[in-house]
PDB file of N, CA and C in Angstrom:
ATOM      1  N   GLN A   1      95.238 134.935  46.048  1.00  0.00           N
ATOM      2  CA  GLN A   1      94.483 134.160  47.020  1.00  0.00           C
ATOM      3  C   GLN A   1      92.978 134.343  46.777  1.00  0.00           C
ATOM      4  N   VAL A   2      92.269 133.183  47.035  1.00  0.00           N
ATOM      5  CA  VAL A   2      90.779 133.197  46.817  1.00  0.00           C
ATOM      6  C   VAL A   2      90.133 132.987  48.208  1.00  0.00           C
ATOM      7  N   GLN A   3      89.208 133.859  48.504  1.00  0.00           N
ATOM      8  CA  GLN A   3      88.452 133.761  49.704  1.00  0.00           C
ATOM      9  C   GLN A   3      87.077 133.096  49.327  1.00  0.00           C
ATOM     10  N   LEU A   4      86.727 132.191  50.254  1.00  0.00           N
ATOM     11  CA  LEU A   4      85.439 131.512  50.084  1.00  0.00           C
ATOM     12  C   LEU A   4      84.563 131.801  51.301  1.00  0.00           C
ATOM     13  N   VAL A   5      83.302 132.248  51.071  1.00  0.00           N
ATOM     14  CA  VAL A   5      82.417 132.616  52.186  1.00  0.00           C
ATOM     15  C   VAL A   5      81.155 131.767  52.082  1.00  0.00           C
ATOM     16  N   GLU A   6      81.002 130.874  53.047  1.00  0.00           N
ATOM     17  CA  GLU A   6      79.792 130.058  53.060  1.00  0.00           C
ATOM     18  C   GLU A   6      78.637 130.756  53.881  1.00  0.00           C
ATOM     19  N   SER A   7      77.472 130.361  53.531  1.00  0.00           N
ATOM     20  CA  SER A   7      76.271 130.739  54.272  1.00  0.00           C
ATOM     21  C   SER A   7      75.194 129.758  54.060  1.00  0.00           C
ATOM     22  N   GLY A   8      74.154 129.808  54.927  1.00  0.00           N
ATOM     23  CA  GLY A   8      72.918 128.973  54.726  1.00  0.00           C
ATOM     24  C   GLY A   8      72.755 127.831  55.661  1.00  0.00           C
ATOM     25  N   GLY A   9      73.794 127.626  56.555  1.00  0.00           N
ATOM     26  CA  GLY A   9      73.612 126.503  57.530  1.00  0.00           C
ATOM     27  C   GLY A   9      72.587 126.875  58.624  1.00  0.00           C
ATOM     28  N   GLY A  10      72.322 125.895  59.485  1.00  0.00           N
ATOM     29  CA  GLY A  10      71.359 126.171  60.476  1.00  0.00           C
ATOM     30  C   GLY A  10      70.838 124.872  61.060  1.00  0.00           C
ATOM     31  N   LEU A  11      69.740 125.019  61.852  1.00  0.00           N
ATOM     32  CA  LEU A  11      69.105 123.884  62.488  1.00  0.00           C
ATOM     33  C   LEU A  11      67.849 123.517  61.667  1.00  0.00           C
ATOM     34  N   VAL A  12      67.687 122.292  61.403  1.00  0.00           N
ATOM     35  CA  VAL A  12      66.449 121.868  60.603  1.00  0.00           C
ATOM     36  C   VAL A  12      65.980 120.534  61.173  1.00  0.00           C
ATOM     37  N   GLN A  13      64.742 120.212  61.079  1.00  0.00           N
ATOM     38  CA  GLN A  13      64.247 118.969  61.523  1.00  0.00           C
ATOM     39  C   GLN A  13      64.500 117.873  60.447  1.00  0.00           C
ATOM     40  N   SER A  14      64.520 116.633  60.933  1.00  0.00           N
ATOM     41  CA  SER A  14      64.672 115.516  60.003  1.00  0.00           C
ATOM     42  C   SER A  14      63.654 115.561  58.883  1.00  0.00           C
ATOM     43  N   GLY A  15      64.082 115.422  57.645  1.00  0.00           N
ATOM     44  CA  GLY A  15      63.164 115.480  56.482  1.00  0.00           C
ATOM     45  C   GLY A  15      63.142 116.836  55.823  1.00  0.00           C
ATOM     46  N   GLY A  16      63.733 117.836  56.517  1.00  0.00           N
ATOM     47  CA  GLY A  16      63.678 119.179  56.017  1.00  0.00           C
ATOM     48  C   GLY A  16      64.760 119.431  54.975  1.00  0.00           C
ATOM     49  N   SER A  17      64.844 120.702  54.585  1.00  0.00           N
ATOM     50  CA  SER A  17      65.775 121.055  53.522  1.00  0.00           C
ATOM     51  C   SER A  17      66.545 122.318  53.928  1.00  0.00           C
ATOM     52  N   LEU A  18      67.683 122.400  53.382  1.00  0.00           N
ATOM     53  CA  LEU A  18      68.593 123.621  53.402  1.00  0.00           C
ATOM     54  C   LEU A  18      69.256 123.876  52.199  1.00  0.00           C
ATOM     55  N   ARG A  19      69.607 125.146  51.857  1.00  0.00           N
ATOM     56  CA  ARG A  19      70.450 125.396  50.741  1.00  0.00           C
ATOM     57  C   ARG A  19      71.685 126.219  51.268  1.00  0.00           C
ATOM     58  N   LEU A  20      72.857 125.688  50.950  1.00  0.00           N
ATOM     59  CA  LEU A  20      74.097 126.359  51.327  1.00  0.00           C
ATOM     60  C   LEU A  20      74.651 127.082  50.109  1.00  0.00           C
ATOM     61  N   SER A  21      75.297 128.136  50.441  1.00  0.00           N
ATOM     62  CA  SER A  21      75.899 129.013  49.343  1.00  0.00           C
ATOM     63  C   SER A  21      77.372 129.139  49.657  1.00  0.00           C
ATOM     64  N   CYS A  22      78.243 129.288  48.628  1.00  0.00           N
ATOM     65  CA  CYS A  22      79.651 129.514  48.774  1.00  0.00           C
ATOM     66  C   CYS A  22      80.041 130.500  47.724  1.00  0.00           C
ATOM     67  N   ALA A  23      80.399 131.744  48.129  1.00  0.00           N
ATOM     68  CA  ALA A  23      80.785 132.759  47.155  1.00  0.00           C
ATOM     69  C   ALA A  23      82.348 132.887  47.199  1.00  0.00           C
ATOM     70  N   ALA A  24      82.877 132.782  45.974  1.00  0.00           N
ATOM     71  CA  ALA A  24      84.338 132.969  45.804  1.00  0.00           C
ATOM     72  C   ALA A  24      84.664 134.370  45.470  1.00  0.00           C
ATOM     73  N   SER A  25      85.833 134.846  45.941  1.00  0.00           N
ATOM     74  CA  SER A  25      86.261 136.231  45.667  1.00  0.00           C
ATOM     75  C   SER A  25      86.817 136.437  44.258  1.00  0.00           C
ATOM     76  N   ALA A  26      86.914 135.371  43.455  1.00  0.00           N
ATOM     77  CA  ALA A  26      87.460 135.455  42.129  1.00  0.00           C
ATOM     78  C   ALA A  26      86.750 134.483  41.238  1.00  0.00           C
ATOM     79  N   ASN A  27      86.895 134.659  39.933  1.00  0.00           N
ATOM     80  CA  ASN A  27      86.278 133.783  38.973  1.00  0.00           C
ATOM     81  C   ASN A  27      87.108 132.568  38.871  1.00  0.00           C
ATOM     82  N   ILE A  28      86.640 131.445  39.268  1.00  0.00           N
ATOM     83  CA  ILE A  28      87.375 130.130  39.304  1.00  0.00           C
ATOM     84  C   ILE A  28      86.821 129.132  38.447  1.00  0.00           C
ATOM     85  N   PHE A  29      85.640 129.358  37.988  1.00  0.00           N
ATOM     86  CA  PHE A  29      85.021 128.283  37.098  1.00  0.00           C
ATOM     87  C   PHE A  29      85.873 128.187  35.806  1.00  0.00           C
ATOM     88  N   GLY A  30      86.052 126.933  35.491  1.00  0.00           N
ATOM     89  CA  GLY A  30      86.898 126.620  34.364  1.00  0.00           C
ATOM     90  C   GLY A  30      88.394 126.691  34.671  1.00  0.00           C
ATOM     91  N   ILE A  31      88.756 127.030  35.900  1.00  0.00           N
ATOM     92  CA  ILE A  31      90.068 127.077  36.317  1.00  0.00           C
ATOM     93  C   ILE A  31      90.404 126.051  37.357  1.00  0.00           C
ATOM     94  N   SER A  32      89.527 125.851  38.338  1.00  0.00           N
ATOM     95  CA  SER A  32      89.806 124.938  39.386  1.00  0.00           C
ATOM     96  C   SER A  32      88.562 124.081  39.744  1.00  0.00           C
ATOM     97  N   ASN A  33      88.784 123.049  40.499  1.00  0.00           N
ATOM     98  CA  ASN A  33      87.649 122.317  40.994  1.00  0.00           C
ATOM     99  C   ASN A  33      86.990 123.188  42.152  1.00  0.00           C
ATOM    100  N   PHE A  34      85.688 122.947  42.391  1.00  0.00           N
ATOM    101  CA  PHE A  34      85.006 123.754  43.395  1.00  0.00           C
ATOM    102  C   PHE A  34      83.898 122.916  43.883  1.00  0.00           C
ATOM    103  N   GLY A  35      83.942 122.692  45.244  1.00  0.00           N
ATOM    104  CA  GLY A  35      82.964 121.719  45.807  1.00  0.00           C
ATOM    105  C   GLY A  35      82.754 121.822  47.324  1.00  0.00           C
ATOM    106  N   TRP A  36      81.925 120.964  47.757  1.00  0.00           N
ATOM    107  CA  TRP A  36      81.536 120.831  49.153  1.00  0.00           C
ATOM    108  C   TRP A  36      82.072 119.613  49.891  1.00  0.00           C
ATOM    109  N   PHE A  37      82.558 119.768  51.054  1.00  0.00           N
ATOM    110  CA  PHE A  37      82.935 118.663  51.913  1.00  0.00           C
ATOM    111  C   PHE A  37      82.207 118.891  53.253  1.00  0.00           C
ATOM    112  N   ARG A  38      82.206 117.857  54.078  1.00  0.00           N
ATOM    113  CA  ARG A  38      81.657 117.968  55.387  1.00  0.00           C
ATOM    114  C   ARG A  38      82.433 117.148  56.328  1.00  0.00           C
ATOM    115  N   GLN A  39      82.352 117.556  57.668  1.00  0.00           N
ATOM    116  CA  GLN A  39      82.991 116.803  58.680  1.00  0.00           C
ATOM    117  C   GLN A  39      82.054 116.738  59.900  1.00  0.00           C
ATOM    118  N   ALA A  40      81.686 115.534  60.198  1.00  0.00           N
ATOM    119  CA  ALA A  40      80.871 115.307  61.416  1.00  0.00           C
ATOM    120  C   ALA A  40      81.765 115.045  62.612  1.00  0.00           C
ATOM    121  N   PRO A  41      81.281 115.320  63.870  1.00  0.00           N
ATOM    122  CA  PRO A  41      82.034 115.147  65.004  1.00  0.00           C
ATOM    123  C   PRO A  41      82.678 113.750  65.096  1.00  0.00           C
ATOM    124  N   GLY A  42      83.921 113.626  65.320  1.00  0.00           N
ATOM    125  CA  GLY A  42      84.651 112.402  65.428  1.00  0.00           C
ATOM    126  C   GLY A  42      84.881 111.665  64.138  1.00  0.00           C
ATOM    127  N   LYS A  43      84.628 112.271  63.016  1.00  0.00           N
ATOM    128  CA  LYS A  43      84.728 111.582  61.709  1.00  0.00           C
ATOM    129  C   LYS A  43      85.663 112.426  60.847  1.00  0.00           C
ATOM    130  N   GLN A  44      86.198 111.750  59.837  1.00  0.00           N
ATOM    131  CA  GLN A  44      87.035 112.461  58.874  1.00  0.00           C
ATOM    132  C   GLN A  44      86.226 113.264  57.901  1.00  0.00           C
ATOM    133  N   ARG A  45      86.840 114.349  57.352  1.00  0.00           N
ATOM    134  CA  ARG A  45      86.210 115.136  56.358  1.00  0.00           C
ATOM    135  C   ARG A  45      85.899 114.322  55.108  1.00  0.00           C
ATOM    136  N   GLU A  46      84.751 114.462  54.519  1.00  0.00           N
ATOM    137  CA  GLU A  46      84.406 113.693  53.353  1.00  0.00           C
ATOM    138  C   GLU A  46      83.797 114.583  52.271  1.00  0.00           C
ATOM    139  N   LEU A  47      83.919 114.105  51.076  1.00  0.00           N
ATOM    140  CA  LEU A  47      83.395 114.777  49.912  1.00  0.00           C
ATOM    141  C   LEU A  47      81.825 114.655  49.952  1.00  0.00           C
ATOM    142  N   VAL A  48      81.207 115.829  49.624  1.00  0.00           N
ATOM    143  CA  VAL A  48      79.737 115.807  49.415  1.00  0.00           C
ATOM    144  C   VAL A  48      79.495 115.813  47.928  1.00  0.00           C
ATOM    145  N   ALA A  49      79.904 116.965  47.286  1.00  0.00           N
ATOM    146  CA  ALA A  49      79.729 116.995  45.803  1.00  0.00           C
ATOM    147  C   ALA A  49      80.670 118.177  45.302  1.00  0.00           C
ATOM    148  N   LEU A  50      80.910 118.051  43.995  1.00  0.00           N
ATOM    149  CA  LEU A  50      81.838 119.066  43.454  1.00  0.00           C
ATOM    150  C   LEU A  50      81.579 119.273  41.982  1.00  0.00           C
ATOM    151  N   PHE A  51      82.050 120.444  41.496  1.00  0.00           N
ATOM    152  CA  PHE A  51      82.204 120.674  40.078  1.00  0.00           C
ATOM    153  C   PHE A  51      83.721 120.534  39.730  1.00  0.00           C
ATOM    154  N   THR A  52      83.977 119.705  38.768  1.00  0.00           N
ATOM    155  CA  THR A  52      85.348 119.643  38.287  1.00  0.00           C
ATOM    156  C   THR A  52      85.716 120.889  37.448  1.00  0.00           C
ATOM    157  N   ARG A  53      86.939 121.056  37.190  1.00  0.00           N
ATOM    158  CA  ARG A  53      87.424 122.216  36.451  1.00  0.00           C
ATOM    159  C   ARG A  53      86.704 122.309  35.146  1.00  0.00           C
ATOM    160  N   VAL A  54      86.419 121.211  34.492  1.00  0.00           N
ATOM    161  CA  VAL A  54      85.798 121.185  33.194  1.00  0.00           C
ATOM    162  C   VAL A  54      84.225 121.240  33.302  1.00  0.00           C
ATOM    163  N   GLY A  55      83.714 121.316  34.540  1.00  0.00           N
ATOM    164  CA  GLY A  55      82.227 121.564  34.662  1.00  0.00           C
ATOM    165  C   GLY A  55      81.453 120.361  34.912  1.00  0.00           C
ATOM    166  N   SER A  56      82.029 119.210  34.940  1.00  0.00           N
ATOM    167  CA  SER A  56      81.192 117.958  35.309  1.00  0.00           C
ATOM    168  C   SER A  56      81.025 117.893  36.864  1.00  0.00           C
ATOM    169  N   THR A  57      80.038 117.186  37.293  1.00  0.00           N
ATOM    170  CA  THR A  57      79.733 117.117  38.680  1.00  0.00           C
ATOM    171  C   THR A  57      80.037 115.683  39.212  1.00  0.00           C
ATOM    172  N   VAL A  58      80.379 115.684  40.527  1.00  0.00           N
ATOM    173  CA  VAL A  58      80.564 114.448  41.242  1.00  0.00           C
ATOM    174  C   VAL A  58      79.801 114.579  42.548  1.00  0.00           C
ATOM    175  N   THR A  59      78.941 113.578  42.884  1.00  0.00           N
ATOM    176  CA  THR A  59      78.238 113.555  44.138  1.00  0.00           C
ATOM    177  C   THR A  59      78.518 112.274  44.905  1.00  0.00           C
ATOM    178  N   ALA A  60      78.713 112.325  46.162  1.00  0.00           N
ATOM    179  CA  ALA A  60      78.994 111.157  46.943  1.00  0.00           C
ATOM    180  C   ALA A  60      77.730 110.260  46.853  1.00  0.00           C
ATOM    181  N   ASP A  61      77.986 108.934  46.724  1.00  0.00           N
ATOM    182  CA  ASP A  61      76.892 107.939  46.544  1.00  0.00           C
ATOM    183  C   ASP A  61      75.852 108.060  47.647  1.00  0.00           C
ATOM    184  N   SER A  62      76.203 108.335  48.905  1.00  0.00           N
ATOM    185  CA  SER A  62      75.223 108.360  49.984  1.00  0.00           C
ATOM    186  C   SER A  62      74.353 109.589  49.900  1.00  0.00           C
ATOM    187  N   MET A  63      74.712 110.538  49.054  1.00  0.00           N
ATOM    188  CA  MET A  63      73.946 111.772  49.012  1.00  0.00           C
ATOM    189  C   MET A  63      73.240 111.965  47.722  1.00  0.00           C
ATOM    190  N   LYS A  64      73.483 111.066  46.778  1.00  0.00           N
ATOM    191  CA  LYS A  64      72.772 111.149  45.466  1.00  0.00           C
ATOM    192  C   LYS A  64      71.281 111.037  45.689  1.00  0.00           C
ATOM    193  N   GLY A  65      70.543 111.892  44.932  1.00  0.00           N
ATOM    194  CA  GLY A  65      69.060 111.899  45.077  1.00  0.00           C
ATOM    195  C   GLY A  65      68.563 112.754  46.156  1.00  0.00           C
ATOM    196  N   ARG A  66      69.443 113.199  47.024  1.00  0.00           N
ATOM    197  CA  ARG A  66      69.068 114.121  48.089  1.00  0.00           C
ATOM    198  C   ARG A  66      69.729 115.445  48.027  1.00  0.00           C
ATOM    199  N   PHE A  67      71.033 115.400  47.616  1.00  0.00           N
ATOM    200  CA  PHE A  67      71.834 116.644  47.574  1.00  0.00           C
ATOM    201  C   PHE A  67      72.111 117.017  46.150  1.00  0.00           C
ATOM    202  N   THR A  68      71.996 118.274  45.793  1.00  0.00           N
ATOM    203  CA  THR A  68      72.273 118.723  44.468  1.00  0.00           C
ATOM    204  C   THR A  68      73.194 119.955  44.465  1.00  0.00           C
ATOM    205  N   ILE A  69      74.293 119.910  43.737  1.00  0.00           N
ATOM    206  CA  ILE A  69      75.141 121.004  43.540  1.00  0.00           C
ATOM    207  C   ILE A  69      74.836 121.823  42.298  1.00  0.00           C
ATOM    208  N   SER A  70      74.902 123.083  42.422  1.00  0.00           N
ATOM    209  CA  SER A  70      74.609 123.969  41.291  1.00  0.00           C
ATOM    210  C   SER A  70      75.572 125.182  41.421  1.00  0.00           C
ATOM    211  N   ARG A  71      75.536 126.065  40.358  1.00  0.00           N
ATOM    212  CA  ARG A  71      76.389 127.192  40.423  1.00  0.00           C
ATOM    213  C   ARG A  71      75.787 128.348  39.639  1.00  0.00           C
ATOM    214  N   ASP A  72      76.279 129.536  39.952  1.00  0.00           N
ATOM    215  CA  ASP A  72      75.928 130.743  39.277  1.00  0.00           C
ATOM    216  C   ASP A  72      77.278 131.326  38.883  1.00  0.00           C
ATOM    217  N   ASN A  73      77.619 131.217  37.591  1.00  0.00           N
ATOM    218  CA  ASN A  73      78.882 131.694  37.112  1.00  0.00           C
ATOM    219  C   ASN A  73      79.110 133.208  37.235  1.00  0.00           C
ATOM    220  N   GLY A  74      78.036 133.888  37.070  1.00  0.00           N
ATOM    221  CA  GLY A  74      78.100 135.413  37.135  1.00  0.00           C
ATOM    222  C   GLY A  74      78.427 135.877  38.600  1.00  0.00           C
ATOM    223  N   LYS A  75      77.987 135.059  39.555  1.00  0.00           N
ATOM    224  CA  LYS A  75      78.236 135.452  41.006  1.00  0.00           C
ATOM    225  C   LYS A  75      79.381 134.659  41.594  1.00  0.00           C
ATOM    226  N   ASN A  76      80.039 133.830  40.790  1.00  0.00           N
ATOM    227  CA  ASN A  76      81.157 133.028  41.324  1.00  0.00           C
ATOM    228  C   ASN A  76      80.754 132.259  42.575  1.00  0.00           C
ATOM    229  N   THR A  77      79.508 131.681  42.523  1.00  0.00           N
ATOM    230  CA  THR A  77      78.907 131.093  43.719  1.00  0.00           C
ATOM    231  C   THR A  77      78.489 129.655  43.384  1.00  0.00           C
ATOM    232  N   VAL A  78      78.741 128.756  44.263  1.00  0.00           N
ATOM    233  CA  VAL A  78      78.227 127.415  44.238  1.00  0.00           C
ATOM    234  C   VAL A  78      77.280 127.161  45.336  1.00  0.00           C
ATOM    235  N   TYR A  79      76.232 126.348  44.988  1.00  0.00           N
ATOM    236  CA  TYR A  79      75.178 126.088  45.902  1.00  0.00           C
ATOM    237  C   TYR A  79      75.129 124.606  46.180  1.00  0.00           C
ATOM    238  N   LEU A  80      74.612 124.322  47.401  1.00  0.00           N
ATOM    239  CA  LEU A  80      74.311 122.912  47.765  1.00  0.00           C
ATOM    240  C   LEU A  80      72.897 122.825  48.204  1.00  0.00           C
ATOM    241  N   GLN A  81      71.987 122.338  47.443  1.00  0.00           N
ATOM    242  CA  GLN A  81      70.577 122.058  47.886  1.00  0.00           C
ATOM    243  C   GLN A  81      70.563 120.762  48.573  1.00  0.00           C
ATOM    244  N   MET A  82      70.093 120.716  49.810  1.00  0.00           N
ATOM    245  CA  MET A  82      70.031 119.493  50.573  1.00  0.00           C
ATOM    246  C   MET A  82      68.619 119.236  50.989  1.00  0.00           C
ATOM    247  N   ASN A  83      68.037 118.116  50.554  1.00  0.00           N
ATOM    248  CA  ASN A  83      66.658 117.696  50.782  1.00  0.00           C
ATOM    249  C   ASN A  83      66.668 116.431  51.558  1.00  0.00           C
ATOM    250  N   SER A  84      65.488 116.152  52.182  1.00  0.00           N
ATOM    251  CA  SER A  84      65.402 114.945  52.962  1.00  0.00           C
ATOM    252  C   SER A  84      66.445 114.661  53.989  1.00  0.00           C
ATOM    253  N   LEU A  85      66.805 115.766  54.674  1.00  0.00           N
ATOM    254  CA  LEU A  85      67.925 115.675  55.607  1.00  0.00           C
ATOM    255  C   LEU A  85      67.702 114.725  56.754  1.00  0.00           C
ATOM    256  N   LYS A  86      68.785 114.071  57.144  1.00  0.00           N
ATOM    257  CA  LYS A  86      68.733 113.110  58.209  1.00  0.00           C
ATOM    258  C   LYS A  86      69.671 113.550  59.314  1.00  0.00           C
ATOM    259  N   PRO A  87      69.412 113.035  60.559  1.00  0.00           N
ATOM    260  CA  PRO A  87      70.315 113.394  61.653  1.00  0.00           C
ATOM    261  C   PRO A  87      71.798 113.149  61.324  1.00  0.00           C
ATOM    262  N   GLU A  88      72.071 112.094  60.598  1.00  0.00           N
ATOM    263  CA  GLU A  88      73.487 111.796  60.231  1.00  0.00           C
ATOM    264  C   GLU A  88      74.062 112.735  59.265  1.00  0.00           C
ATOM    265  N   ASP A  89      73.307 113.710  58.754  1.00  0.00           N
ATOM    266  CA  ASP A  89      73.866 114.770  57.843  1.00  0.00           C
ATOM    267  C   ASP A  89      74.396 115.885  58.705  1.00  0.00           C
ATOM    268  N   THR A  90      74.222 115.775  60.046  1.00  0.00           N
ATOM    269  CA  THR A  90      74.746 116.838  60.929  1.00  0.00           C
ATOM    270  C   THR A  90      76.256 116.915  60.797  1.00  0.00           C
ATOM    271  N   ALA A  91      76.760 118.096  60.523  1.00  0.00           N
ATOM    272  CA  ALA A  91      78.176 118.282  60.240  1.00  0.00           C
ATOM    273  C   ALA A  91      78.499 119.760  59.989  1.00  0.00           C
ATOM    274  N   VAL A  92      79.826 120.064  59.988  1.00  0.00           N
ATOM    275  CA  VAL A  92      80.225 121.306  59.461  1.00  0.00           C
ATOM    276  C   VAL A  92      80.487 121.136  57.962  1.00  0.00           C
ATOM    277  N   TYR A  93      79.887 121.921  57.196  1.00  0.00           N
ATOM    278  CA  TYR A  93      80.046 121.867  55.721  1.00  0.00           C
ATOM    279  C   TYR A  93      80.991 122.982  55.257  1.00  0.00           C
ATOM    280  N   TYR A  94      81.913 122.535  54.455  1.00  0.00           N
ATOM    281  CA  TYR A  94      83.004 123.403  53.951  1.00  0.00           C
ATOM    282  C   TYR A  94      82.959 123.472  52.433  1.00  0.00           C
ATOM    283  N   CYS A  95      83.159 124.636  51.887  1.00  0.00           N
ATOM    284  CA  CYS A  95      83.454 124.653  50.495  1.00  0.00           C
ATOM    285  C   CYS A  95      84.932 124.708  50.182  1.00  0.00           C
ATOM    286  N   ARG A  96      85.283 124.329  49.085  1.00  0.00           N
ATOM    287  CA  ARG A  96      86.730 124.219  48.757  1.00  0.00           C
ATOM    288  C   ARG A  96      86.970 124.437  47.320  1.00  0.00           C
ATOM    289  N   THR A  97      88.061 125.165  46.952  1.00  0.00           N
ATOM    290  CA  THR A  97      88.478 125.217  45.507  1.00  0.00           C
ATOM    291  C   THR A  97      89.887 124.946  45.431  1.00  0.00           C
ATOM    292  N   TRP A  98      90.269 124.070  44.462  1.00  0.00           N
ATOM    293  CA  TRP A  98      91.688 123.604  44.409  1.00  0.00           C
ATOM    294  C   TRP A  98      92.048 123.216  43.020  1.00  0.00           C
ATOM    295  N   THR A  99      93.348 123.233  42.849  1.00  0.00           N
ATOM    296  CA  THR A  99      94.033 122.755  41.683  1.00  0.00           C
ATOM    297  C   THR A  99      95.248 122.122  42.163  1.00  0.00           C
ATOM    298  N   GLY A 100      96.145 121.745  41.232  1.00  0.00           N
ATOM    299  CA  GLY A 100      97.402 121.219  41.650  1.00  0.00           C
ATOM    300  C   GLY A 100      98.329 122.233  42.194  1.00  0.00           C
ATOM    301  N   THR A 101      97.955 123.524  42.151  1.00  0.00           N
ATOM    302  CA  THR A 101      98.797 124.663  42.596  1.00  0.00           C
ATOM    303  C   THR A 101      98.352 125.239  43.862  1.00  0.00           C
ATOM    304  N   TYR A 102      97.078 125.341  44.069  1.00  0.00           N
ATOM    305  CA  TYR A 102      96.517 125.942  45.273  1.00  0.00           C
ATOM    306  C   TYR A 102      95.304 125.135  45.851  1.00  0.00           C
ATOM    307  N   ASP A 103      95.023 125.426  47.115  1.00  0.00           N
ATOM    308  CA  ASP A 103      93.942 124.710  47.718  1.00  0.00           C
ATOM    309  C   ASP A 103      93.327 125.630  48.843  1.00  0.00           C
ATOM    310  N   TYR A 104      92.168 126.182  48.600  1.00  0.00           N
ATOM    311  CA  TYR A 104      91.501 127.068  49.536  1.00  0.00           C
ATOM    312  C   TYR A 104      90.225 126.455  50.089  1.00  0.00           C
ATOM    313  N   TRP A 105      90.049 126.757  51.404  1.00  0.00           N
ATOM    314  CA  TRP A 105      88.817 126.279  52.074  1.00  0.00           C
ATOM    315  C   TRP A 105      88.064 127.426  52.631  1.00  0.00           C
ATOM    316  N   GLY A 106      86.798 127.408  52.774  1.00  0.00           N
ATOM    317  CA  GLY A 106      86.010 128.319  53.478  1.00  0.00           C
ATOM    318  C   GLY A 106      86.053 127.987  54.998  1.00  0.00           C
ATOM    319  N   GLN A 107      85.363 128.801  55.713  1.00  0.00           N
ATOM    320  CA  GLN A 107      85.458 128.741  57.216  1.00  0.00           C
ATOM    321  C   GLN A 107      84.538 127.657  57.692  1.00  0.00           C
ATOM    322  N   GLY A 108      83.547 127.208  56.899  1.00  0.00           N
ATOM    323  CA  GLY A 108      82.611 126.219  57.369  1.00  0.00           C
ATOM    324  C   GLY A 108      81.288 126.813  57.825  1.00  0.00           C
ATOM    325  N   THR A 109      80.304 125.991  57.629  1.00  0.00           N
ATOM    326  CA  THR A 109      78.937 126.347  58.146  1.00  0.00           C
ATOM    327  C   THR A 109      78.293 125.185  58.781  1.00  0.00           C
ATOM    328  N   GLN A 110      77.764 125.372  59.972  1.00  0.00           N
ATOM    329  CA  GLN A 110      77.212 124.237  60.776  1.00  0.00           C
ATOM    330  C   GLN A 110      75.829 123.948  60.210  1.00  0.00           C
ATOM    331  N   VAL A 111      75.634 122.653  59.956  1.00  0.00           N
ATOM    332  CA  VAL A 111      74.241 122.111  59.702  1.00  0.00           C
ATOM    333  C   VAL A 111      73.878 121.094  60.812  1.00  0.00           C
ATOM    334  N   THR A 112      72.789 121.328  61.407  1.00  0.00           N
ATOM    335  CA  THR A 112      72.327 120.403  62.441  1.00  0.00           C
ATOM    336  C   THR A 112      70.959 119.999  62.130  1.00  0.00           C
ATOM    337  N   VAL A 113      70.796 118.584  62.058  1.00  0.00           N
ATOM    338  CA  VAL A 113      69.469 117.987  61.753  1.00  0.00           C
ATOM    339  C   VAL A 113      68.993 117.320  63.030  1.00  0.00           C
ATOM    340  N   SER A 114      67.878 117.781  63.480  1.00  0.00           N
ATOM    341  CA  SER A 114      67.281 117.104  64.700  1.00  0.00           C
ATOM    342  C   SER A 114      66.305 116.044  64.296  1.00  0.00           C
ATOM    343  N   SER A 115      66.256 115.019  65.172  1.00  0.00           N
ATOM    344  CA  SER A 115      65.350 113.912  64.944  1.00  0.00           C
ATOM    345  C   SER A 115      63.997 114.156  65.438  1.00  0.00           C
TER     346      SER A 115
END
């Protein structure tokens, strides 16, 4: 089993920045997909950005140019740099790692953007 621990959420004003971190308890790079999702109140959970198993990145269209996913292989950690935050970015942000065999989620970290 893989544990995922997120950190870095909080309250920020519109236009501000935050960096989220997600540390995995095992080395998963090159083995599984690893990425960020978010869920706003009353909405479905949606993809933010991810690293595929082979290392390529995917970012949701609405977040391109503002959000950047990166990673530190030595620390088994994925980061999400969020710039130019908007009130509509307010959500619980989850990291996830998955393959066709397993699917693990972190506990989530709250991001609140005030106008």
